[in-house]
C-alpha atoms as a PDB file:
ATOM      1  CA  GLN A   1      -2.051  18.596  -0.143  1.00  0.00           C
ATOM      2  CA  VAL A   2      -0.049  15.694   1.266  1.00  0.00           C
ATOM      3  CA  GLN A   3       3.065  13.896   0.115  1.00  0.00           C
ATOM      4  CA  LEU A   4       3.468  10.179   0.721  1.00  0.00           C
ATOM      5  CA  VAL A   5       6.744   8.307   1.083  1.00  0.00           C
ATOM      6  CA  GLU A   6       6.931   4.517   1.072  1.00  0.00           C
ATOM      7  CA  SER A   7       9.447   2.520   3.068  1.00  0.00           C
ATOM      8  CA  GLY A   8       9.982  -0.915   4.564  1.00  0.00           C
ATOM      9  CA  GLY A   9      10.695  -2.950   1.465  1.00  0.00           C
ATOM     10  CA  GLY A  10      13.562  -5.368   1.174  1.00  0.00           C
ATOM     11  CA  LEU A  11      14.538  -8.965   0.613  1.00  0.00           C
ATOM     12  CA  VAL A  12      12.463 -11.688   2.235  1.00  0.00           C
ATOM     13  CA  GLN A  13      12.266 -15.453   1.801  1.00  0.00           C
ATOM     14  CA  PRO A  14       9.125 -17.085   0.394  1.00  0.00           C
ATOM     15  CA  GLY A  15       6.608 -17.438   3.186  1.00  0.00           C
ATOM     16  CA  GLY A  16       8.132 -14.559   5.081  1.00  0.00           C
ATOM     17  CA  SER A  17       6.667 -11.226   6.101  1.00  0.00           C
ATOM     18  CA  LEU A  18       7.290  -7.533   5.600  1.00  0.00           C
ATOM     19  CA  ARG A  19       5.628  -4.423   6.960  1.00  0.00           C
ATOM     20  CA  LEU A  20       5.525  -1.454   4.619  1.00  0.00           C
ATOM     21  CA  SER A  21       4.984   2.092   5.818  1.00  0.00           C
ATOM     22  CA  CYS A  22       3.468   5.062   4.045  1.00  0.00           C
ATOM     23  CA  ALA A  23       4.436   8.270   5.797  1.00  0.00           C
ATOM     24  CA  ALA A  24       2.578  11.466   5.009  1.00  0.00           C
ATOM     25  CA  SER A  25       3.787  15.031   5.211  1.00  0.00           C
ATOM     26  CA  GLY A  26       1.528  18.033   5.193  1.00  0.00           C
ATOM     27  CA  SER A  27      -1.810  18.588   6.820  1.00  0.00           C
ATOM     28  CA  MET A  28      -5.230  16.923   6.788  1.00  0.00           C
ATOM     29  CA  PHE A  29      -3.927  13.411   6.259  1.00  0.00           C
ATOM     30  CA  SER A  30      -6.890  11.896   8.071  1.00  0.00           C
ATOM     31  CA  ILE A  31      -9.411  13.059   5.456  1.00  0.00           C
ATOM     32  CA  TYR A  32      -7.935  10.889   2.705  1.00  0.00           C
ATOM     33  CA  ALA A  33      -8.384   7.256   1.896  1.00  0.00           C
ATOM     34  CA  VAL A  34      -5.147   5.459   1.049  1.00  0.00           C
ATOM     35  CA  GLY A  35      -4.490   2.715  -1.470  1.00  0.00           C
ATOM     36  CA  TRP A  36      -1.521   0.420  -1.956  1.00  0.00           C
ATOM     37  CA  TYR A  37      -0.506  -0.578  -5.482  1.00  0.00           C
ATOM     38  CA  ARG A  38       2.225  -2.826  -6.804  1.00  0.00           C
ATOM     39  CA  GLN A  39       3.922  -3.074 -10.172  1.00  0.00           C
ATOM     40  CA  ALA A  40       6.190  -5.658 -11.726  1.00  0.00           C
ATOM     41  CA  PRO A  41       8.464  -4.837 -14.681  1.00  0.00           C
ATOM     42  CA  GLY A  42       6.438  -4.570 -17.876  1.00  0.00           C
ATOM     43  CA  LYS A  43       3.113  -4.781 -16.045  1.00  0.00           C
ATOM     44  CA  GLU A  44       0.404  -2.307 -15.116  1.00  0.00           C
ATOM     45  CA  ARG A  45       0.006  -1.146 -11.558  1.00  0.00           C
ATOM     46  CA  GLU A  46      -2.369  -3.290  -9.524  1.00  0.00           C
ATOM     47  CA  LEU A  47      -4.422  -2.137  -6.554  1.00  0.00           C
ATOM     48  CA  VAL A  48      -3.552  -4.421  -3.657  1.00  0.00           C
ATOM     49  CA  ALA A  49      -5.326  -2.912  -0.664  1.00  0.00           C
ATOM     50  CA  ALA A  50      -7.110   0.250   0.367  1.00  0.00           C
ATOM     51  CA  ILE A  51      -8.341   1.820   3.579  1.00  0.00           C
ATOM     52  CA  THR A  52     -11.040   4.407   4.155  1.00  0.00           C
ATOM     53  CA  THR A  53     -10.826   7.471   6.368  1.00  0.00           C
ATOM     54  CA  THR A  54     -12.554   5.505   9.113  1.00  0.00           C
ATOM     55  CA  GLY A  55     -10.469   2.360   8.864  1.00  0.00           C
ATOM     56  CA  ASN A  56     -12.582   0.090   6.666  1.00  0.00           C
ATOM     57  CA  THR A  57     -10.443  -1.995   4.331  1.00  0.00           C
ATOM     58  CA  ASN A  58     -10.582  -3.695   0.946  1.00  0.00           C
ATOM     59  CA  TYR A  59      -8.203  -6.184  -0.639  1.00  0.00           C
ATOM     60  CA  ALA A  60      -7.458  -7.788  -3.943  1.00  0.00           C
ATOM     61  CA  ASP A  61      -8.613 -11.397  -3.966  1.00  0.00           C
ATOM     62  CA  SER A  62      -5.052 -12.604  -4.379  1.00  0.00           C
ATOM     63  CA  VAL A  63      -3.947 -11.163  -1.025  1.00  0.00           C
ATOM     64  CA  LYS A  64      -7.018 -11.664   1.165  1.00  0.00           C
ATOM     65  CA  GLY A  65      -6.137 -13.378   4.391  1.00  0.00           C
ATOM     66  CA  ARG A  66      -2.437 -12.589   4.016  1.00  0.00           C
ATOM     67  CA  PHE A  67      -2.184  -8.783   3.811  1.00  0.00           C
ATOM     68  CA  THR A  68      -3.524  -6.227   6.269  1.00  0.00           C
ATOM     69  CA  VAL A  69      -3.713  -2.480   5.722  1.00  0.00           C
ATOM     70  CA  SER A  70      -4.075  -0.174   8.709  1.00  0.00           C
ATOM     71  CA  ARG A  71      -3.620   3.477   9.552  1.00  0.00           C
ATOM     72  CA  ASP A  72      -2.431   5.549  12.473  1.00  0.00           C
ATOM     73  CA  ASN A  73      -3.626   9.073  11.874  1.00  0.00           C
ATOM     74  CA  ALA A  74      -1.802  10.398  14.933  1.00  0.00           C
ATOM     75  CA  LYS A  75       1.452   9.355  13.260  1.00  0.00           C
ATOM     76  CA  ASN A  76       0.354  10.293   9.729  1.00  0.00           C
ATOM     77  CA  THR A  77       1.186   6.767   8.633  1.00  0.00           C
ATOM     78  CA  VAL A  78      -0.505   3.900   6.810  1.00  0.00           C
ATOM     79  CA  TYR A  79       0.883   0.384   7.008  1.00  0.00           C
ATOM     80  CA  LEU A  80       0.712  -2.701   4.848  1.00  0.00           C
ATOM     81  CA  GLN A  81       1.476  -5.907   6.707  1.00  0.00           C
ATOM     82  CA  MET A  82       2.326  -8.638   4.209  1.00  0.00           C
ATOM     83  CA  ASN A  83       2.466 -12.250   5.366  1.00  0.00           C
ATOM     84  CA  SER A  84       3.147 -15.515   3.543  1.00  0.00           C
ATOM     85  CA  LEU A  85       4.822 -13.684   0.689  1.00  0.00           C
ATOM     86  CA  LYS A  86       5.234 -15.420  -2.656  1.00  0.00           C
ATOM     87  CA  PRO A  87       8.029 -15.002  -5.228  1.00  0.00           C
ATOM     88  CA  GLU A  88       5.557 -13.676  -7.793  1.00  0.00           C
ATOM     89  CA  GLU A  89       4.867 -10.778  -5.443  1.00  0.00           C
ATOM     90  CA  THR A  90       8.307  -9.351  -6.114  1.00  0.00           C
ATOM     91  CA  ASP A  91       7.232  -5.853  -7.104  1.00  0.00           C
ATOM     92  CA  VAL A  92       7.618  -2.179  -6.401  1.00  0.00           C
ATOM     93  CA  TYR A  93       4.912  -1.140  -3.958  1.00  0.00           C
ATOM     94  CA  TYR A  94       3.344   2.317  -3.947  1.00  0.00           C
ATOM     95  CA  CYS A  95       0.952   4.116  -1.650  1.00  0.00           C
ATOM     96  CA  THR A  96      -1.486   6.741  -2.869  1.00  0.00           C
ATOM     97  CA  ARG A  97      -4.087   9.100  -1.520  1.00  0.00           C
ATOM     98  CA  GLY A  98      -7.627   8.762  -2.793  1.00  0.00           C
ATOM     99  CA  SER A  99     -11.341   8.584  -2.174  1.00  0.00           C
ATOM    100  CA  TYR A 100     -14.107   6.011  -2.175  1.00  0.00           C
ATOM    101  CA  TYR A 101     -17.028   6.173  -4.589  1.00  0.00           C
ATOM    102  CA  HIS A 102     -19.753   3.538  -4.285  1.00  0.00           C
ATOM    103  CA  GLY A 103     -17.436   1.322  -2.293  1.00  0.00           C
ATOM    104  CA  THR A 104     -14.568   1.496  -4.781  1.00  0.00           C
ATOM    105  CA  TYR A 105     -11.220   3.162  -4.188  1.00  0.00           C
ATOM    106  CA  HIS A 106     -10.073   5.769  -6.684  1.00  0.00           C
ATOM    107  CA  ARG A 107      -6.650   7.374  -6.664  1.00  0.00           C
ATOM    108  CA  ASP A 108      -6.593  11.154  -6.585  1.00  0.00           C
ATOM    109  CA  PHE A 109      -4.840  13.067  -9.310  1.00  0.00           C
ATOM    110  CA  GLY A 110      -1.128  13.362  -8.686  1.00  0.00           C
ATOM    111  CA  SER A 111       2.260  11.933  -9.464  1.00  0.00           C
ATOM    112  CA  TRP A 112       3.442   8.535  -8.296  1.00  0.00           C
ATOM    113  CA  GLY A 113       6.123   8.348  -5.654  1.00  0.00           C
ATOM    114  CA  GLN A 114       9.310   6.322  -5.797  1.00  0.00           C
ATOM    115  CA  GLY A 115       7.758   3.253  -4.232  1.00  0.00           C
ATOM    116  CA  THR A 116       9.575   0.639  -2.200  1.00  0.00           C
ATOM    117  CA  GLN A 117      11.050  -2.545  -3.647  1.00  0.00           C
ATOM    118  CA  VAL A 118       9.905  -5.890  -2.289  1.00  0.00           C
ATOM    119  CA  THR A 119      11.903  -8.933  -3.353  1.00  0.00           C
ATOM    120  CA  VAL A 120      10.700 -12.412  -2.408  1.00  0.00           C
ATOM    121  CA  SER A 121      13.415 -14.957  -3.109  1.00  0.00           C
ATOM    122  CA  SER A 122      15.254 -17.911  -1.619  1.00  0.00           C
END
């Protein structure tokens, strides 16, 4: 069992960048895939990016070319680099542990964390 804590959110101007971190506690972090979700008020959570245990990545069409997910297993951390941010991407961002089935990321059973707030505004 691992626990994930998001950090790195904040206020950024449109077109700016942020790097989010997902720090894991516990053991066997490297055996899990990790997915990043975001959620705006009144909306469902949306899968933004995911990374396999071996470092392969997948992205929502809306963020391809702008966001990059990576992992450093030695530091028990997954990152989400977000470039060219847009005001409509003002959301709470969450990281989750999961698995891949037939090329698709699926979140494991468990509670959501607190997330980290990203605000894109002039």
